[in-house]
Amino acid sequence: SAYMKTITKLQDENDKLRGQLTTLDESDEKSNFFVYLLLVVI
């Protein structure tokens, strides 16, 4: 039971980190879009 709880906790943490990574990738894509747009405007 303790091992299962630990594994579940680690899986939840892994899912949370993947979500954060996805969010960072999306914000990175948005910032890249704005950089490209700014370069085009310049």
PDB file of all heavy atoms in Angstrom:
ATOM      1  N   SER A   1       0.837  -1.208   0.000  1.00  0.00           N
ATOM      2  CA  SER A   1       0.000   0.000   0.000  1.00  0.00           C
ATOM      3  C   SER A   1       0.868   1.252   0.000  1.00  0.00           C
ATOM      4  O   SER A   1       0.584   2.211  -0.730  1.00  0.00           O
ATOM      5  CB  SER A   1      -0.927   0.009   1.208  1.00  0.00           C
ATOM      6  OG  SER A   1      -1.825  -1.066   1.161  1.00  0.00           O
ATOM      7  N   ALA A   2       1.914   1.245   0.809  1.00  0.00           N
ATOM      8  CA  ALA A   2       2.817   2.399   0.857  1.00  0.00           C
ATOM      9  C   ALA A   2       3.513   2.590  -0.483  1.00  0.00           C
ATOM     10  O   ALA A   2       3.655   3.727  -0.966  1.00  0.00           O
ATOM     11  CB  ALA A   2       3.841   2.217   1.975  1.00  0.00           C
ATOM     12  N   TYR A   3       3.954   1.485  -1.106  1.00  0.00           N
ATOM     13  CA  TYR A   3       4.597   1.587  -2.415  1.00  0.00           C
ATOM     14  C   TYR A   3       3.626   2.129  -3.459  1.00  0.00           C
ATOM     15  O   TYR A   3       3.990   2.959  -4.288  1.00  0.00           O
ATOM     16  CB  TYR A   3       5.134   0.231  -2.868  1.00  0.00           C
ATOM     17  CG  TYR A   3       6.260  -0.313  -2.025  1.00  0.00           C
ATOM     18  CD1 TYR A   3       6.428  -1.680  -1.867  1.00  0.00           C
ATOM     19  CD2 TYR A   3       7.161   0.520  -1.373  1.00  0.00           C
ATOM     20  CE1 TYR A   3       7.457  -2.190  -1.086  1.00  0.00           C
ATOM     21  CE2 TYR A   3       8.182   0.023  -0.598  1.00  0.00           C
ATOM     22  CZ  TYR A   3       8.329  -1.340  -0.461  1.00  0.00           C
ATOM     23  OH  TYR A   3       9.349  -1.851   0.303  1.00  0.00           O
ATOM     24  N   MET A   4       2.381   1.657  -3.384  1.00  0.00           N
ATOM     25  CA  MET A   4       1.382   2.130  -4.341  1.00  0.00           C
ATOM     26  C   MET A   4       1.116   3.626  -4.143  1.00  0.00           C
ATOM     27  O   MET A   4       0.983   4.373  -5.118  1.00  0.00           O
ATOM     28  CB  MET A   4       0.097   1.316  -4.200  1.00  0.00           C
ATOM     29  CG  MET A   4       0.227  -0.100  -4.727  1.00  0.00           C
ATOM     30  SD  MET A   4      -1.168  -1.179  -4.374  1.00  0.00           S
ATOM     31  CE  MET A   4      -2.501  -0.319  -5.159  1.00  0.00           C
ATOM     32  N   LYS A   5       1.046   4.070  -2.893  1.00  0.00           N
ATOM     33  CA  LYS A   5       0.840   5.495  -2.620  1.00  0.00           C
ATOM     34  C   LYS A   5       2.014   6.309  -3.145  1.00  0.00           C
ATOM     35  O   LYS A   5       1.833   7.371  -3.739  1.00  0.00           O
ATOM     36  CB  LYS A   5       0.670   5.732  -1.117  1.00  0.00           C
ATOM     37  CG  LYS A   5      -0.669   5.307  -0.585  1.00  0.00           C
ATOM     38  CD  LYS A   5      -0.771   5.548   0.915  1.00  0.00           C
ATOM     39  CE  LYS A   5      -2.073   5.013   1.472  1.00  0.00           C
ATOM     40  NZ  LYS A   5      -2.144   5.163   2.935  1.00  0.00           N
ATOM     41  N   THR A   6       3.233   5.787  -2.922  1.00  0.00           N
ATOM     42  CA  THR A   6       4.423   6.495  -3.389  1.00  0.00           C
ATOM     43  C   THR A   6       4.425   6.583  -4.908  1.00  0.00           C
ATOM     44  O   THR A   6       4.708   7.636  -5.478  1.00  0.00           O
ATOM     45  CB  THR A   6       5.696   5.781  -2.891  1.00  0.00           C
ATOM     46  OG1 THR A   6       5.667   5.717  -1.473  1.00  0.00           O
ATOM     47  CG2 THR A   6       6.940   6.501  -3.351  1.00  0.00           C
ATOM     48  N   ILE A   7       4.110   5.484  -5.560  1.00  0.00           N
ATOM     49  CA  ILE A   7       4.087   5.476  -7.020  1.00  0.00           C
ATOM     50  C   ILE A   7       3.007   6.418  -7.542  1.00  0.00           C
ATOM     51  O   ILE A   7       3.236   7.181  -8.487  1.00  0.00           O
ATOM     52  CB  ILE A   7       3.902   4.036  -7.547  1.00  0.00           C
ATOM     53  CG1 ILE A   7       5.184   3.232  -7.297  1.00  0.00           C
ATOM     54  CG2 ILE A   7       3.552   4.029  -9.024  1.00  0.00           C
ATOM     55  CD1 ILE A   7       5.053   1.748  -7.576  1.00  0.00           C
ATOM     56  N   THR A   8       1.827   6.408  -6.903  1.00  0.00           N
ATOM     57  CA  THR A   8       0.753   7.307  -7.304  1.00  0.00           C
ATOM     58  C   THR A   8       1.182   8.761  -7.122  1.00  0.00           C
ATOM     59  O   THR A   8       0.941   9.610  -7.990  1.00  0.00           O
ATOM     60  CB  THR A   8      -0.524   7.021  -6.490  1.00  0.00           C
ATOM     61  OG1 THR A   8      -0.887   5.660  -6.675  1.00  0.00           O
ATOM     62  CG2 THR A   8      -1.662   7.928  -6.889  1.00  0.00           C
ATOM     63  N   LYS A   9       1.831   9.033  -5.999  1.00  0.00           N
ATOM     64  CA  LYS A   9       2.306  10.393  -5.730  1.00  0.00           C
ATOM     65  C   LYS A   9       3.324  10.817  -6.787  1.00  0.00           C
ATOM     66  O   LYS A   9       3.268  11.938  -7.306  1.00  0.00           O
ATOM     67  CB  LYS A   9       2.932  10.444  -4.334  1.00  0.00           C
ATOM     68  CG  LYS A   9       3.396  11.797  -3.902  1.00  0.00           C
ATOM     69  CD  LYS A   9       3.961  11.746  -2.491  1.00  0.00           C
ATOM     70  CE  LYS A   9       4.528  13.072  -2.063  1.00  0.00           C
ATOM     71  NZ  LYS A   9       5.123  13.000  -0.733  1.00  0.00           N
ATOM     72  N   LEU A  10       4.247   9.909  -7.137  1.00  0.00           N
ATOM     73  CA  LEU A  10       5.244  10.234  -8.153  1.00  0.00           C
ATOM     74  C   LEU A  10       4.601  10.408  -9.530  1.00  0.00           C
ATOM     75  O   LEU A  10       5.007  11.280 -10.301  1.00  0.00           O
ATOM     76  CB  LEU A  10       6.317   9.145  -8.200  1.00  0.00           C
ATOM     77  CG  LEU A  10       7.269   9.108  -6.996  1.00  0.00           C
ATOM     78  CD1 LEU A  10       8.168   7.885  -7.065  1.00  0.00           C
ATOM     79  CD2 LEU A  10       8.098  10.376  -6.925  1.00  0.00           C
ATOM     80  N   GLN A  11       3.594   9.586  -9.827  1.00  0.00           N
ATOM     81  CA  GLN A  11       2.900   9.741 -11.110  1.00  0.00           C
ATOM     82  C   GLN A  11       2.165  11.081 -11.166  1.00  0.00           C
ATOM     83  O   GLN A  11       2.177  11.765 -12.194  1.00  0.00           O
ATOM     84  CB  GLN A  11       1.915   8.593 -11.321  1.00  0.00           C
ATOM     85  CG  GLN A  11       2.587   7.287 -11.675  1.00  0.00           C
ATOM     86  CD  GLN A  11       1.604   6.115 -11.747  1.00  0.00           C
ATOM     87  OE1 GLN A  11       0.519   6.175 -11.173  1.00  0.00           O
ATOM     88  NE2 GLN A  11       1.999   5.065 -12.429  1.00  0.00           N
ATOM     89  N   ASP A  12       1.525  11.471 -10.053  1.00  0.00           N
ATOM     90  CA  ASP A  12       0.846  12.770  -9.996  1.00  0.00           C
ATOM     91  C   ASP A  12       1.850  13.909 -10.178  1.00  0.00           C
ATOM     92  O   ASP A  12       1.588  14.869 -10.914  1.00  0.00           O
ATOM     93  CB  ASP A  12       0.092  12.939  -8.680  1.00  0.00           C
ATOM     94  CG  ASP A  12      -1.110  12.016  -8.568  1.00  0.00           C
ATOM     95  OD1 ASP A  12      -1.545  11.481  -9.608  1.00  0.00           O
ATOM     96  OD2 ASP A  12      -1.601  11.823  -7.432  1.00  0.00           O
ATOM     97  N   GLU A  13       2.996  13.786  -9.506  1.00  0.00           N
ATOM     98  CA  GLU A  13       4.044  14.798  -9.631  1.00  0.00           C
ATOM     99  C   GLU A  13       4.554  14.856 -11.073  1.00  0.00           C
ATOM    100  O   GLU A  13       4.789  15.942 -11.619  1.00  0.00           O
ATOM    101  CB  GLU A  13       5.195  14.485  -8.667  1.00  0.00           C
ATOM    102  CG  GLU A  13       6.291  15.517  -8.631  1.00  0.00           C
ATOM    103  CD  GLU A  13       5.860  16.828  -8.012  1.00  0.00           C
ATOM    104  OE1 GLU A  13       4.917  16.844  -7.205  1.00  0.00           O
ATOM    105  OE2 GLU A  13       6.476  17.859  -8.345  1.00  0.00           O
ATOM    106  N   ASN A  14       4.702  13.687 -11.678  1.00  0.00           N
ATOM    107  CA  ASN A  14       5.159  13.621 -13.070  1.00  0.00           C
ATOM    108  C   ASN A  14       4.133  14.284 -13.988  1.00  0.00           C
ATOM    109  O   ASN A  14       4.506  15.047 -14.895  1.00  0.00           O
ATOM    110  CB  ASN A  14       5.378  12.154 -13.462  1.00  0.00           C
ATOM    111  CG  ASN A  14       6.137  12.009 -14.754  1.00  0.00           C
ATOM    112  OD1 ASN A  14       6.752  12.939 -15.236  1.00  0.00           O
ATOM    113  ND2 ASN A  14       6.085  10.828 -15.331  1.00  0.00           N
ATOM    114  N   ASP A  15       2.838  14.000 -13.775  1.00  0.00           N
ATOM    115  CA  ASP A  15       1.790  14.631 -14.579  1.00  0.00           C
ATOM    116  C   ASP A  15       1.797  16.147 -14.388  1.00  0.00           C
ATOM    117  O   ASP A  15       1.618  16.903 -15.348  1.00  0.00           O
ATOM    118  CB  ASP A  15       0.418  14.063 -14.209  1.00  0.00           C
ATOM    119  CG  ASP A  15       0.237  12.616 -14.651  1.00  0.00           C
ATOM    120  OD1 ASP A  15       1.016  12.155 -15.517  1.00  0.00           O
ATOM    121  OD2 ASP A  15      -0.668  11.938 -14.112  1.00  0.00           O
ATOM    122  N   LYS A  16       1.982  16.594 -13.157  1.00  0.00           N
ATOM    123  CA  LYS A  16       2.027  18.018 -12.853  1.00  0.00           C
ATOM    124  C   LYS A  16       3.200  18.677 -13.585  1.00  0.00           C
ATOM    125  O   LYS A  16       3.046  19.736 -14.198  1.00  0.00           O
ATOM    126  CB  LYS A  16       2.161  18.212 -11.339  1.00  0.00           C
ATOM    127  CG  LYS A  16       2.204  19.636 -10.880  1.00  0.00           C
ATOM    128  CD  LYS A  16       2.331  19.703  -9.366  1.00  0.00           C
ATOM    129  CE  LYS A  16       2.598  21.102  -8.884  1.00  0.00           C
ATOM    130  NZ  LYS A  16       2.819  21.141  -7.438  1.00  0.00           N
ATOM    131  N   LEU A  17       4.360  18.015 -13.533  1.00  0.00           N
ATOM    132  CA  LEU A  17       5.539  18.561 -14.215  1.00  0.00           C
ATOM    133  C   LEU A  17       5.348  18.570 -15.733  1.00  0.00           C
ATOM    134  O   LEU A  17       5.784  19.506 -16.414  1.00  0.00           O
ATOM    135  CB  LEU A  17       6.789  17.761 -13.837  1.00  0.00           C
ATOM    136  CG  LEU A  17       7.265  17.940 -12.395  1.00  0.00           C
ATOM    137  CD1 LEU A  17       8.413  16.990 -12.091  1.00  0.00           C
ATOM    138  CD2 LEU A  17       7.686  19.378 -12.137  1.00  0.00           C
ATOM    139  N   ARG A  18       4.695  17.542 -16.266  1.00  0.00           N
ATOM    140  CA  ARG A  18       4.405  17.530 -17.709  1.00  0.00           C
ATOM    141  C   ARG A  18       3.469  18.674 -18.078  1.00  0.00           C
ATOM    142  O   ARG A  18       3.617  19.307 -19.121  1.00  0.00           O
ATOM    143  CB  ARG A  18       3.794  16.191 -18.105  1.00  0.00           C
ATOM    144  CG  ARG A  18       4.812  15.102 -18.215  1.00  0.00           C
ATOM    145  CD  ARG A  18       4.209  13.823 -18.716  1.00  0.00           C
ATOM    146  NE  ARG A  18       5.218  12.772 -18.749  1.00  0.00           N
ATOM    147  CZ  ARG A  18       4.977  11.500 -18.886  1.00  0.00           C
ATOM    148  NH1 ARG A  18       3.727  11.086 -19.000  1.00  0.00           N
ATOM    149  NH2 ARG A  18       5.949  10.617 -18.914  1.00  0.00           N
ATOM    150  N   GLY A  19       2.481  18.926 -17.222  1.00  0.00           N
ATOM    151  CA  GLY A  19       1.574  20.051 -17.445  1.00  0.00           C
ATOM    152  C   GLY A  19       2.325  21.370 -17.437  1.00  0.00           C
ATOM    153  O   GLY A  19       2.085  22.248 -18.283  1.00  0.00           O
ATOM    154  N   GLN A  20       3.242  21.536 -16.488  1.00  0.00           N
ATOM    155  CA  GLN A  20       4.044  22.750 -16.430  1.00  0.00           C
ATOM    156  C   GLN A  20       4.921  22.885 -17.672  1.00  0.00           C
ATOM    157  O   GLN A  20       5.090  23.978 -18.211  1.00  0.00           O
ATOM    158  CB  GLN A  20       4.916  22.750 -15.176  1.00  0.00           C
ATOM    159  CG  GLN A  20       4.162  22.976 -13.894  1.00  0.00           C
ATOM    160  CD  GLN A  20       5.062  22.895 -12.658  1.00  0.00           C
ATOM    161  OE1 GLN A  20       6.230  22.552 -12.768  1.00  0.00           O
ATOM    162  NE2 GLN A  20       4.503  23.199 -11.510  1.00  0.00           N
ATOM    163  N   LEU A  21       5.472  21.752 -18.122  1.00  0.00           N
ATOM    164  CA  LEU A  21       6.307  21.760 -19.320  1.00  0.00           C
ATOM    165  C   LEU A  21       5.479  22.161 -20.535  1.00  0.00           C
ATOM    166  O   LEU A  21       5.927  22.962 -21.364  1.00  0.00           O
ATOM    167  CB  LEU A  21       6.941  20.376 -19.532  1.00  0.00           C
ATOM    168  CG  LEU A  21       7.912  20.243 -20.689  1.00  0.00           C
ATOM    169  CD1 LEU A  21       9.115  21.150 -20.479  1.00  0.00           C
ATOM    170  CD2 LEU A  21       8.369  18.813 -20.837  1.00  0.00           C
ATOM    171  N   THR A  22       4.266  21.643 -20.628  1.00  0.00           N
ATOM    172  CA  THR A  22       3.375  22.000 -21.734  1.00  0.00           C
ATOM    173  C   THR A  22       3.053  23.488 -21.680  1.00  0.00           C
ATOM    174  O   THR A  22       3.066  24.173 -22.714  1.00  0.00           O
ATOM    175  CB  THR A  22       2.082  21.165 -21.667  1.00  0.00           C
ATOM    176  OG1 THR A  22       2.422  19.782 -21.682  1.00  0.00           O
ATOM    177  CG2 THR A  22       1.161  21.472 -22.821  1.00  0.00           C
ATOM    178  N   THR A  23       2.758  23.997 -20.489  1.00  0.00           N
ATOM    179  CA  THR A  23       2.462  25.418 -20.318  1.00  0.00           C
ATOM    180  C   THR A  23       3.662  26.262 -20.724  1.00  0.00           C
ATOM    181  O   THR A  23       3.518  27.283 -21.419  1.00  0.00           O
ATOM    182  CB  THR A  23       2.073  25.717 -18.856  1.00  0.00           C
ATOM    183  OG1 THR A  23       0.999  24.873 -18.473  1.00  0.00           O
ATOM    184  CG2 THR A  23       1.683  27.159 -18.665  1.00  0.00           C
ATOM    185  N   LEU A  24       4.848  25.842 -20.305  1.00  0.00           N
ATOM    186  CA  LEU A  24       6.061  26.574 -20.673  1.00  0.00           C
ATOM    187  C   LEU A  24       6.292  26.524 -22.177  1.00  0.00           C
ATOM    188  O   LEU A  24       6.699  27.526 -22.785  1.00  0.00           O
ATOM    189  CB  LEU A  24       7.271  26.003 -19.934  1.00  0.00           C
ATOM    190  CG  LEU A  24       7.366  26.311 -18.445  1.00  0.00           C
ATOM    191  CD1 LEU A  24       8.549  25.572 -17.828  1.00  0.00           C
ATOM    192  CD2 LEU A  24       7.505  27.804 -18.214  1.00  0.00           C
ATOM    193  N   ASP A  25       6.028  25.387 -22.792  1.00  0.00           N
ATOM    194  CA  ASP A  25       6.178  25.279 -24.244  1.00  0.00           C
ATOM    195  C   ASP A  25       5.202  26.211 -24.958  1.00  0.00           C
ATOM    196  O   ASP A  25       5.559  26.879 -25.928  1.00  0.00           O
ATOM    197  CB  ASP A  25       5.957  23.835 -24.706  1.00  0.00           C
ATOM    198  CG  ASP A  25       7.126  22.922 -24.397  1.00  0.00           C
ATOM    199  OD1 ASP A  25       8.222  23.450 -24.097  1.00  0.00           O
ATOM    200  OD2 ASP A  25       6.947  21.685 -24.458  1.00  0.00           O
ATOM    201  N   GLU A  26       3.960  26.254 -24.465  1.00  0.00           N
ATOM    202  CA  GLU A  26       2.967  27.138 -25.073  1.00  0.00           C
ATOM    203  C   GLU A  26       3.362  28.588 -24.910  1.00  0.00           C
ATOM    204  O   GLU A  26       3.263  29.383 -25.849  1.00  0.00           O
ATOM    205  CB  GLU A  26       1.594  26.887 -24.455  1.00  0.00           C
ATOM    206  CG  GLU A  26       0.960  25.568 -24.844  1.00  0.00           C
ATOM    207  CD  GLU A  26      -0.313  25.254 -24.078  1.00  0.00           C
ATOM    208  OE1 GLU A  26      -0.732  26.089 -23.233  1.00  0.00           O
ATOM    209  OE2 GLU A  26      -0.894  24.188 -24.326  1.00  0.00           O
ATOM    210  N   SER A  27       3.816  28.970 -23.715  1.00  0.00           N
ATOM    211  CA  SER A  27       4.221  30.364 -23.500  1.00  0.00           C
ATOM    212  C   SER A  27       5.469  30.683 -24.320  1.00  0.00           C
ATOM    213  O   SER A  27       5.622  31.796 -24.819  1.00  0.00           O
ATOM    214  CB  SER A  27       4.451  30.645 -22.016  1.00  0.00           C
ATOM    215  OG  SER A  27       5.588  29.948 -21.551  1.00  0.00           O
ATOM    216  N   ASP A  28       6.343  29.686 -24.494  1.00  0.00           N
ATOM    217  CA  ASP A  28       7.535  29.865 -25.317  1.00  0.00           C
ATOM    218  C   ASP A  28       7.132  30.079 -26.775  1.00  0.00           C
ATOM    219  O   ASP A  28       7.683  30.929 -27.460  1.00  0.00           O
ATOM    220  CB  ASP A  28       8.452  28.649 -25.182  1.00  0.00           C
ATOM    221  CG  ASP A  28       9.815  28.861 -25.791  1.00  0.00           C
ATOM    222  OD1 ASP A  28      10.327  30.003 -25.708  1.00  0.00           O
ATOM    223  OD2 ASP A  28      10.364  27.891 -26.363  1.00  0.00           O
ATOM    224  N   GLU A  29       6.135  29.312 -27.238  1.00  0.00           N
ATOM    225  CA  GLU A  29       5.646  29.475 -28.604  1.00  0.00           C
ATOM    226  C   GLU A  29       5.011  30.856 -28.781  1.00  0.00           C
ATOM    227  O   GLU A  29       5.216  31.515 -29.802  1.00  0.00           O
ATOM    228  CB  GLU A  29       4.626  28.387 -28.934  1.00  0.00           C
ATOM    229  CG  GLU A  29       5.223  27.016 -29.131  1.00  0.00           C
ATOM    230  CD  GLU A  29       4.161  25.933 -29.338  1.00  0.00           C
ATOM    231  OE1 GLU A  29       2.966  26.262 -29.514  1.00  0.00           O
ATOM    232  OE2 GLU A  29       4.544  24.754 -29.319  1.00  0.00           O
ATOM    233  N   LYS A  30       4.245  31.307 -27.762  1.00  0.00           N
ATOM    234  CA  LYS A  30       3.634  32.635 -27.838  1.00  0.00           C
ATOM    235  C   LYS A  30       4.705  33.716 -27.876  1.00  0.00           C
ATOM    236  O   LYS A  30       4.617  34.660 -28.653  1.00  0.00           O
ATOM    237  CB  LYS A  30       2.701  32.852 -26.646  1.00  0.00           C
ATOM    238  CG  LYS A  30       1.424  32.075 -26.716  1.00  0.00           C
ATOM    239  CD  LYS A  30       0.558  32.322 -25.488  1.00  0.00           C
ATOM    240  CE  LYS A  30      -0.685  31.446 -25.507  1.00  0.00           C
ATOM    241  NZ  LYS A  30      -1.494  31.615 -24.290  1.00  0.00           N
ATOM    242  N   SER A  31       5.712  33.572 -27.013  1.00  0.00           N
ATOM    243  CA  SER A  31       6.769  34.586 -26.996  1.00  0.00           C
ATOM    244  C   SER A  31       7.555  34.554 -28.303  1.00  0.00           C
ATOM    245  O   SER A  31       7.951  35.597 -28.820  1.00  0.00           O
ATOM    246  CB  SER A  31       7.687  34.410 -25.790  1.00  0.00           C
ATOM    247  OG  SER A  31       8.375  33.183 -25.869  1.00  0.00           O
ATOM    248  N   ASN A  32       7.759  33.359 -28.858  1.00  0.00           N
ATOM    249  CA  ASN A  32       8.439  33.271 -30.155  1.00  0.00           C
ATOM    250  C   ASN A  32       7.588  33.943 -31.237  1.00  0.00           C
ATOM    251  O   ASN A  32       8.122  34.625 -32.115  1.00  0.00           O
ATOM    252  CB  ASN A  32       8.691  31.812 -30.537  1.00  0.00           C
ATOM    253  CG  ASN A  32       9.842  31.207 -29.748  1.00  0.00           C
ATOM    254  OD1 ASN A  32      10.624  31.909 -29.135  1.00  0.00           O
ATOM    255  ND2 ASN A  32       9.926  29.882 -29.769  1.00  0.00           N
ATOM    256  N   PHE A  33       6.278  33.738 -31.182  1.00  0.00           N
ATOM    257  CA  PHE A  33       5.394  34.382 -32.152  1.00  0.00           C
ATOM    258  C   PHE A  33       5.515  35.894 -32.071  1.00  0.00           C
ATOM    259  O   PHE A  33       5.629  36.595 -33.084  1.00  0.00           O
ATOM    260  CB  PHE A  33       3.944  33.934 -31.898  1.00  0.00           C
ATOM    261  CG  PHE A  33       2.944  34.670 -32.736  1.00  0.00           C
ATOM    262  CD1 PHE A  33       2.806  34.377 -34.091  1.00  0.00           C
ATOM    263  CD2 PHE A  33       2.150  35.672 -32.193  1.00  0.00           C
ATOM    264  CE1 PHE A  33       1.895  35.062 -34.866  1.00  0.00           C
ATOM    265  CE2 PHE A  33       1.239  36.355 -32.964  1.00  0.00           C
ATOM    266  CZ  PHE A  33       1.099  36.058 -34.312  1.00  0.00           C
ATOM    267  N   PHE A  34       5.532  36.421 -30.824  1.00  0.00           N
ATOM    268  CA  PHE A  34       5.648  37.879 -30.658  1.00  0.00           C
ATOM    269  C   PHE A  34       7.016  38.374 -31.121  1.00  0.00           C
ATOM    270  O   PHE A  34       7.113  39.457 -31.701  1.00  0.00           O
ATOM    271  CB  PHE A  34       5.397  38.274 -29.191  1.00  0.00           C
ATOM    272  CG  PHE A  34       3.959  38.159 -28.783  1.00  0.00           C
ATOM    273  CD1 PHE A  34       3.582  37.356 -27.727  1.00  0.00           C
ATOM    274  CD2 PHE A  34       2.964  38.865 -29.467  1.00  0.00           C
ATOM    275  CE1 PHE A  34       2.253  37.255 -27.359  1.00  0.00           C
ATOM    276  CE2 PHE A  34       1.632  38.757 -29.090  1.00  0.00           C
ATOM    277  CZ  PHE A  34       1.276  37.952 -28.031  1.00  0.00           C
ATOM    278  N   VAL A  35       8.045  37.603 -30.905  1.00  0.00           N
ATOM    279  CA  VAL A  35       9.386  38.003 -31.372  1.00  0.00           C
ATOM    280  C   VAL A  35       9.394  38.055 -32.897  1.00  0.00           C
ATOM    281  O   VAL A  35       9.905  39.017 -33.497  1.00  0.00           O
ATOM    282  CB  VAL A  35      10.466  37.026 -30.836  1.00  0.00           C
ATOM    283  CG1 VAL A  35      11.792  37.233 -31.533  1.00  0.00           C
ATOM    284  CG2 VAL A  35      10.639  37.209 -29.339  1.00  0.00           C
ATOM    285  N   TYR A  36       8.830  37.038 -33.539  1.00  0.00           N
ATOM    286  CA  TYR A  36       8.784  37.027 -35.010  1.00  0.00           C
ATOM    287  C   TYR A  36       7.932  38.187 -35.536  1.00  0.00           C
ATOM    288  O   TYR A  36       8.284  38.853 -36.511  1.00  0.00           O
ATOM    289  CB  TYR A  36       8.243  35.699 -35.534  1.00  0.00           C
ATOM    290  CG  TYR A  36       9.162  34.523 -35.267  1.00  0.00           C
ATOM    291  CD1 TYR A  36       8.642  33.311 -34.840  1.00  0.00           C
ATOM    292  CD2 TYR A  36      10.538  34.636 -35.447  1.00  0.00           C
ATOM    293  CE1 TYR A  36       9.473  32.234 -34.593  1.00  0.00           C
ATOM    294  CE2 TYR A  36      11.371  33.566 -35.206  1.00  0.00           C
ATOM    295  CZ  TYR A  36      10.843  32.359 -34.772  1.00  0.00           C
ATOM    296  OH  TYR A  36      11.663  31.295 -34.523  1.00  0.00           O
ATOM    297  N   LEU A  37       6.807  38.434 -34.893  1.00  0.00           N
ATOM    298  CA  LEU A  37       5.947  39.543 -35.286  1.00  0.00           C
ATOM    299  C   LEU A  37       6.678  40.869 -35.137  1.00  0.00           C
ATOM    300  O   LEU A  37       6.609  41.734 -36.020  1.00  0.00           O
ATOM    301  CB  LEU A  37       4.661  39.522 -34.449  1.00  0.00           C
ATOM    302  CG  LEU A  37       3.620  40.583 -34.780  1.00  0.00           C
ATOM    303  CD1 LEU A  37       3.086  40.388 -36.206  1.00  0.00           C
ATOM    304  CD2 LEU A  37       2.477  40.544 -33.783  1.00  0.00           C
ATOM    305  N   LEU A  38       7.376  41.026 -34.033  1.00  0.00           N
ATOM    306  CA  LEU A  38       8.153  42.240 -33.786  1.00  0.00           C
ATOM    307  C   LEU A  38       9.237  42.406 -34.831  1.00  0.00           C
ATOM    308  O   LEU A  38       9.461  43.520 -35.339  1.00  0.00           O
ATOM    309  CB  LEU A  38       8.751  42.198 -32.379  1.00  0.00           C
ATOM    310  CG  LEU A  38       9.466  43.444 -31.884  1.00  0.00           C
ATOM    311  CD1 LEU A  38       8.512  44.634 -31.830  1.00  0.00           C
ATOM    312  CD2 LEU A  38      10.075  43.210 -30.530  1.00  0.00           C
ATOM    313  N   LEU A  39       9.905  41.313 -35.188  1.00  0.00           N
ATOM    314  CA  LEU A  39      10.935  41.376 -36.232  1.00  0.00           C
ATOM    315  C   LEU A  39      10.332  41.774 -37.579  1.00  0.00           C
ATOM    316  O   LEU A  39      10.919  42.576 -38.327  1.00  0.00           O
ATOM    317  CB  LEU A  39      11.657  40.036 -36.350  1.00  0.00           C
ATOM    318  CG  LEU A  39      12.627  39.691 -35.217  1.00  0.00           C
ATOM    319  CD1 LEU A  39      13.171  38.268 -35.416  1.00  0.00           C
ATOM    320  CD2 LEU A  39      13.772  40.677 -35.166  1.00  0.00           C
ATOM    321  N   VAL A  40       9.150  41.245 -37.876  1.00  0.00           N
ATOM    322  CA  VAL A  40       8.478  41.607 -39.132  1.00  0.00           C
ATOM    323  C   VAL A  40       8.111  43.088 -39.123  1.00  0.00           C
ATOM    324  O   VAL A  40       8.314  43.812 -40.108  1.00  0.00           O
ATOM    325  CB  VAL A  40       7.244  40.707 -39.356  1.00  0.00           C
ATOM    326  CG1 VAL A  40       6.376  41.233 -40.493  1.00  0.00           C
ATOM    327  CG2 VAL A  40       7.669  39.287 -39.650  1.00  0.00           C
ATOM    328  N   VAL A  41       7.567  43.563 -37.998  1.00  0.00           N
ATOM    329  CA  VAL A  41       7.195  44.981 -37.885  1.00  0.00           C
ATOM    330  C   VAL A  41       8.429  45.861 -38.035  1.00  0.00           C
ATOM    331  O   VAL A  41       8.415  46.874 -38.746  1.00  0.00           O
ATOM    332  CB  VAL A  41       6.454  45.247 -36.543  1.00  0.00           C
ATOM    333  CG1 VAL A  41       6.294  46.736 -36.274  1.00  0.00           C
ATOM    334  CG2 VAL A  41       5.107  44.567 -36.543  1.00  0.00           C
ATOM    335  N   ILE A  42       9.527  45.467 -37.380  1.00  0.00           N
ATOM    336  CA  ILE A  42      10.780  46.240 -37.485  1.00  0.00           C
ATOM    337  C   ILE A  42      11.265  46.251 -38.929  1.00  0.00           C
ATOM    338  O   ILE A  42      11.690  47.290 -39.461  1.00  0.00           O
ATOM    339  CB  ILE A  42      11.849  45.690 -36.531  1.00  0.00           C
ATOM    340  CG1 ILE A  42      11.450  45.996 -35.077  1.00  0.00           C
ATOM    341  CG2 ILE A  42      13.218  46.278 -36.828  1.00  0.00           C
ATOM    342  CD1 ILE A  42      12.344  45.340 -34.042  1.00  0.00           C
TER     343      ILE A  42
END
